[in-house]
Amino acid sequence: MENKDFMLRWYNELWNQGDESIMDQMLHPQVKVYGLSPEPTVGIDAFKQFYKNFRNELTDIHITIDKNIAESDYVVSLCTATAKHKQSGKRVSFTGTSIAQLENGKIICGWNHFDFLTLNLQIGKITPEQLN
């Protein structure tokens, strides 16, 4: 499987279909992920906890890959995410970029740059006035 297709599978099966079982198949046991929290998320169990927390806040998640660029062991995915915020019932949309480094058919490292500011504005966790 080409690296681009690998990442398309990751987004489709994990995020769009909610198939949590693929984390064990697609993540390296010592995976290190940046950009999801202030400190790196290290290991499959830590990523599973992030995923669970994210799913507790948002439902009906759909991630569209707008552009998928691969070079060597790296895949850059430009994404648009839509979802429904559980607590408020609001529909949200935000964009992001992820860079995945693959090793032996598994994600060994990831860098995420998603527009969580826009997400938090849309769900009311922060207000525009707080940004001034």
Protein backbone atom coordinates (compact mmCIF):
# COMPACT_ATOMS: atom_id res chain seq x y z
CA MET A 1 0.00 0.00 0.00
CA GLU A 2 1.37 3.41 -0.93
CA ASN A 3 1.90 5.90 1.88
CA LYS A 4 -0.81 8.22 0.51
CA ASP A 5 -3.32 5.37 0.51
CA PHE A 6 -2.22 4.40 4.02
CA MET A 7 -3.14 7.86 5.31
CA LEU A 8 -6.43 7.91 3.39
CA ARG A 9 -7.27 4.65 5.16
CA TRP A 10 -6.29 6.20 8.53
CA TYR A 11 -8.65 9.13 8.12
CA ASN A 12 -11.48 7.15 6.57
CA GLU A 13 -11.53 4.17 8.92
CA LEU A 14 -10.55 5.82 12.21
CA TRP A 15 -12.04 9.28 11.95
CA ASN A 16 -14.91 8.93 9.46
CA GLN A 17 -16.05 5.41 10.38
CA GLY A 18 -14.94 5.42 14.03
CA ASP A 19 -13.12 2.07 13.79
CA GLU A 20 -10.86 2.26 16.84
CA SER A 21 -9.35 -1.18 16.19
CA ILE A 22 -7.12 0.19 13.43
CA MET A 23 -5.06 2.20 15.92
CA ASP A 24 -3.27 -0.99 16.97
CA GLN A 25 -2.70 -1.90 13.31
CA MET A 26 -1.56 1.49 12.05
CA LEU A 27 0.29 3.11 14.96
CA HIS A 28 3.82 2.18 16.01
CA PRO A 29 3.85 1.17 19.71
CA GLN A 30 6.12 4.14 20.50
CA VAL A 31 4.29 6.64 18.28
CA LYS A 32 4.93 10.28 19.15
CA VAL A 33 2.32 12.86 18.12
CA TYR A 34 2.73 16.63 18.36
CA GLY A 35 0.07 19.33 18.24
CA LEU A 36 -2.81 17.55 19.96
CA SER A 37 -1.99 18.87 23.43
CA PRO A 38 0.70 21.09 24.96
CA GLU A 39 3.01 18.10 25.43
CA PRO A 40 3.67 15.36 22.85
CA THR A 41 1.31 12.38 22.95
CA VAL A 42 3.56 9.32 23.28
CA GLY A 43 2.46 5.71 22.74
CA ILE A 44 -0.68 4.06 21.44
CA ASP A 45 -2.49 4.21 24.80
CA ALA A 46 -1.95 7.97 25.07
CA PHE A 47 -3.24 8.46 21.53
CA LYS A 48 -6.28 6.29 22.31
CA GLN A 49 -7.04 8.53 25.30
CA PHE A 50 -6.80 11.65 23.11
CA TYR A 51 -9.12 10.00 20.56
CA LYS A 52 -11.64 9.03 23.26
CA ASN A 53 -11.64 12.56 24.70
CA PHE A 54 -12.08 14.08 21.22
CA ARG A 55 -14.99 11.73 20.45
CA ASN A 56 -16.58 12.64 23.81
CA GLU A 57 -16.74 16.27 22.63
CA LEU A 58 -17.65 15.77 18.96
CA THR A 59 -19.86 13.35 17.03
CA ASP A 60 -20.60 12.82 13.37
CA ILE A 61 -16.96 13.54 12.55
CA HIS A 62 -16.02 13.63 8.90
CA ILE A 63 -12.56 14.50 7.63
CA THR A 64 -12.06 15.31 3.97
CA ILE A 65 -8.53 15.12 2.60
CA ASP A 66 -8.21 18.17 0.38
CA LYS A 67 -4.62 17.39 -0.63
CA ASN A 68 -2.38 14.43 0.16
CA ILE A 69 1.33 14.82 -0.62
CA ALA A 70 3.87 12.05 -0.09
CA GLU A 71 7.64 12.09 -0.20
CA SER A 72 9.84 9.32 1.12
CA ASP A 73 8.43 8.19 4.50
CA TYR A 74 6.34 11.34 5.01
CA VAL A 75 2.75 12.16 4.07
CA VAL A 76 1.32 15.66 4.37
CA SER A 77 -2.49 15.80 4.50
CA LEU A 78 -4.43 19.05 4.16
CA CYS A 79 -7.79 18.40 5.79
CA THR A 80 -11.23 19.86 6.36
CA ALA A 81 -13.07 18.48 9.39
CA THR A 82 -16.78 18.75 10.09
CA ALA A 83 -18.57 17.48 13.18
CA LYS A 84 -21.33 18.11 15.69
CA HIS A 85 -20.48 19.38 19.17
CA LYS A 86 -22.26 17.09 21.65
CA GLN A 87 -22.97 19.63 24.37
CA SER A 88 -24.26 22.51 22.24
CA GLY A 89 -25.53 20.57 19.23
CA LYS A 90 -23.70 23.03 16.95
CA ARG A 91 -22.24 21.94 13.63
CA VAL A 92 -18.57 22.87 13.32
CA SER A 93 -16.04 23.05 10.52
CA PHE A 94 -12.31 23.64 10.76
CA THR A 95 -9.20 22.94 8.72
CA GLY A 96 -5.83 21.49 9.48
CA THR A 97 -2.62 19.94 8.28
CA SER A 98 -1.02 16.74 9.47
CA ILE A 99 2.38 15.33 8.68
CA ALA A 100 2.86 11.62 9.30
CA GLN A 101 6.15 9.78 9.28
CA LEU A 102 5.76 6.10 8.46
CA GLU A 103 8.12 3.30 9.42
CA ASN A 104 7.56 -0.35 8.51
CA GLY A 105 3.91 0.26 7.65
CA LYS A 106 3.04 2.17 10.83
CA ILE A 107 2.83 5.80 11.92
CA ILE A 108 5.93 6.44 14.04
CA CYS A 109 5.55 10.22 14.37
CA GLY A 110 2.91 12.82 13.60
CA TRP A 111 2.75 16.61 13.60
CA ASN A 112 -0.71 18.19 13.67
CA HIS A 113 -1.66 21.77 13.00
CA PHE A 114 -5.44 21.98 13.22
CA ASP A 115 -7.37 25.20 13.68
CA PHE A 116 -8.62 24.43 17.17
CA LEU A 117 -9.08 28.19 17.73
CA THR A 118 -11.85 28.23 15.13
CA LEU A 119 -13.33 25.07 16.62
CA ASN A 120 -13.36 26.56 20.14
CA LEU A 121 -14.91 29.80 18.86
CA GLN A 122 -17.65 27.85 17.09
CA ILE A 123 -18.58 25.83 20.19
CA GLY A 124 -18.37 28.84 22.52
CA LYS A 125 -15.41 27.68 24.63
CA ILE A 126 -13.86 31.06 23.89
CA THR A 127 -15.38 34.28 22.61
CA PRO A 128 -14.00 36.75 20.07
CA GLU A 129 -13.73 39.30 22.90
CA GLN A 130 -11.29 37.05 24.72
CA LEU A 131 -8.92 37.33 21.77
CA ASN A 132 -8.50 41.10 22.13
